[in-house]
Amino acid sequence: MGANGAASGLDPYSGRGGVSTVYGTEFTTLLQDGNVKFVRVANPAESSRIPQETRTPGRVYAVVSHKGKLTSIATFDAHGKRKTQIEWHHAHGNLNPHVHDYNNHIAARPETAQETALRQRLERRWKQFKAKGGKP
């Protein structure tokens, strides 16, 4: 199982020593719940990062660290491009949690009520999965 890569099928800019990766092999899917995929970077030597695009319109990725901690959420638009990135594992200025809009990652803003509800729902779902013996 995998999730994400690059639409071209190779991702030469992935930061892994210049090694290209085949679409769908950068992330491992741990759990799928509707249009939400809980994923982690496939290579255990890498730190958590966010998928940059998807082939599934409207997809939501919940990113899990190799330690099993849910660290961020990425939402995607109808064209498979990243829309927002919700983070709470670190502060951005005095904002925690905070949201980055895809077209301006440097700036951060507070979560909307809808984004807070999404984050809390996915945190609950991840905890339920682990409590039932799901392996991160």
Protein backbone atom coordinates (compact mmCIF):
# COMPACT_ATOMS: atom_id res chain seq x y z
CA MET A 1 0.00 0.00 0.00
CA GLY A 2 1.25 3.46 -0.69
CA ALA A 3 0.22 7.02 -1.07
CA ASN A 4 1.63 9.88 -3.02
CA GLY A 5 4.66 10.66 -5.03
CA ALA A 6 4.58 12.91 -8.04
CA ALA A 7 2.15 13.02 -10.91
CA SER A 8 4.98 12.33 -13.36
CA GLY A 9 5.60 8.99 -11.71
CA LEU A 10 9.02 10.01 -10.39
CA ASP A 11 9.97 12.47 -7.70
CA PRO A 12 13.61 13.51 -8.33
CA TYR A 13 13.35 16.43 -5.88
CA SER A 14 12.48 14.32 -2.88
CA GLY A 15 15.63 15.09 -0.92
CA ARG A 16 16.74 11.49 -0.67
CA GLY A 17 20.20 11.78 -2.14
CA GLY A 18 18.84 12.57 -5.60
CA VAL A 19 17.25 9.12 -5.88
CA SER A 20 14.00 9.17 -7.83
CA THR A 21 11.05 7.37 -6.33
CA VAL A 22 8.08 5.77 -8.07
CA TYR A 23 4.68 7.34 -7.43
CA GLY A 24 2.96 5.57 -4.56
CA THR A 25 6.10 4.36 -2.78
CA GLU A 26 7.08 7.37 -0.65
CA PHE A 27 4.41 6.77 1.98
CA THR A 28 2.88 3.70 3.59
CA THR A 29 -0.85 3.69 4.29
CA LEU A 30 -1.56 2.65 7.87
CA LEU A 31 -5.32 3.18 7.88
CA GLN A 32 -7.92 4.42 5.43
CA ASP A 33 -11.18 5.89 6.67
CA GLY A 34 -13.33 7.11 3.79
CA ASN A 35 -11.36 9.71 1.84
CA VAL A 36 -8.81 10.06 4.66
CA LYS A 37 -5.56 8.12 4.56
CA PHE A 38 -3.35 7.88 7.62
CA VAL A 39 0.16 7.60 6.20
CA ARG A 40 3.78 7.59 7.25
CA VAL A 41 6.96 8.12 5.29
CA ALA A 42 8.02 4.69 4.01
CA ASN A 43 11.72 5.17 4.77
CA PRO A 44 12.25 4.93 8.56
CA ALA A 45 15.40 7.05 8.28
CA GLU A 46 13.32 10.05 7.18
CA SER A 47 11.42 12.42 9.40
CA SER A 48 7.73 13.02 8.88
CA ARG A 49 6.71 15.20 5.98
CA ILE A 50 3.55 16.00 4.09
CA PRO A 51 2.52 14.53 0.73
CA GLN A 52 2.69 17.26 -1.90
CA GLU A 53 -0.01 16.03 -4.26
CA THR A 54 -2.41 13.18 -4.81
CA ARG A 55 -4.25 11.51 -7.65
CA THR A 56 -7.48 11.41 -5.63
CA PRO A 57 -9.52 14.64 -5.70
CA GLY A 58 -10.36 15.97 -2.25
CA ARG A 59 -8.08 13.50 -0.45
CA VAL A 60 -7.04 14.16 3.16
CA TYR A 61 -3.78 12.74 4.48
CA ALA A 62 -3.16 12.40 8.21
CA VAL A 63 0.59 12.05 8.67
CA VAL A 64 1.91 9.74 11.38
CA SER A 65 5.49 9.76 12.65
CA HIS A 66 7.56 6.58 12.91
CA LYS A 67 6.88 6.74 16.65
CA GLY A 68 3.14 6.41 15.95
CA LYS A 69 2.21 10.02 16.71
CA LEU A 70 -0.25 11.89 14.47
CA THR A 71 1.69 15.02 13.50
CA SER A 72 -0.14 16.87 10.72
CA ILE A 73 -3.00 16.83 8.27
CA ALA A 74 -2.92 17.80 4.61
CA THR A 75 -6.03 18.56 2.58
CA PHE A 76 -6.13 18.52 -1.21
CA ASP A 77 -8.31 20.22 -3.79
CA ALA A 78 -10.29 18.78 -6.69
CA HIS A 79 -7.16 18.84 -8.87
CA GLY A 80 -5.03 16.84 -6.43
CA LYS A 81 -2.97 19.82 -5.30
CA ARG A 82 -2.29 20.51 -1.64
CA LYS A 83 -4.77 22.99 -0.20
CA THR A 84 -3.93 23.28 3.50
CA GLN A 85 -1.58 21.80 6.04
CA ILE A 86 -2.72 21.65 9.67
CA GLU A 87 0.05 21.26 12.24
CA TRP A 88 0.12 21.07 16.03
CA HIS A 89 3.35 19.24 16.83
CA HIS A 90 5.19 22.57 16.99
CA ALA A 91 4.31 26.23 17.34
CA HIS A 92 4.58 28.72 14.52
CA GLY A 93 5.14 32.03 16.22
CA ASN A 94 2.51 32.07 18.94
CA LEU A 95 0.15 29.81 16.98
CA ASN A 96 -0.29 26.20 17.94
CA PRO A 97 -2.15 24.56 16.33
CA HIS A 98 -1.76 26.46 13.08
CA VAL A 99 -2.55 26.15 9.37
CA HIS A 100 -0.46 26.79 6.28
CA ASP A 101 -2.25 27.50 3.02
CA TYR A 102 -0.61 25.68 0.12
CA ASN A 103 0.21 28.81 -1.85
CA ASN A 104 1.92 30.53 1.08
CA HIS A 105 3.59 27.99 3.35
CA ILE A 106 5.69 30.59 5.16
CA ALA A 107 2.67 32.35 6.66
CA ALA A 108 0.63 30.58 9.29
CA ARG A 109 -2.86 31.31 10.48
CA PRO A 110 -5.13 29.99 13.23
CA GLU A 111 -7.37 27.01 12.52
CA THR A 112 -10.94 27.64 11.45
CA ALA A 113 -13.70 25.88 13.39
CA GLN A 114 -14.02 23.39 10.51
CA GLU A 115 -10.27 22.64 10.58
CA THR A 116 -10.34 22.19 14.35
CA ALA A 117 -13.23 19.74 14.02
CA LEU A 118 -11.36 17.80 11.31
CA ARG A 119 -8.17 17.64 13.40
CA GLN A 120 -10.02 16.50 16.51
CA ARG A 121 -12.01 13.88 14.56
CA LEU A 122 -8.85 12.44 13.01
CA GLU A 123 -7.02 12.44 16.35
CA ARG A 124 -9.91 10.46 17.88
CA ARG A 125 -9.95 8.04 14.93
CA TRP A 126 -6.19 7.46 15.19
CA LYS A 127 -6.46 6.81 18.96
CA GLN A 128 -9.31 4.32 18.33
CA PHE A 129 -7.23 2.53 15.71
CA LYS A 130 -4.24 2.20 18.06
CA ALA A 131 -6.46 1.18 21.02
CA LYS A 132 -7.86 -1.69 18.92
CA GLY A 133 -4.39 -2.99 18.25
CA GLY A 134 -3.67 -1.12 15.02
CA LYS A 135 0.04 -1.03 14.33
CA PRO A 136 1.53 2.39 13.62
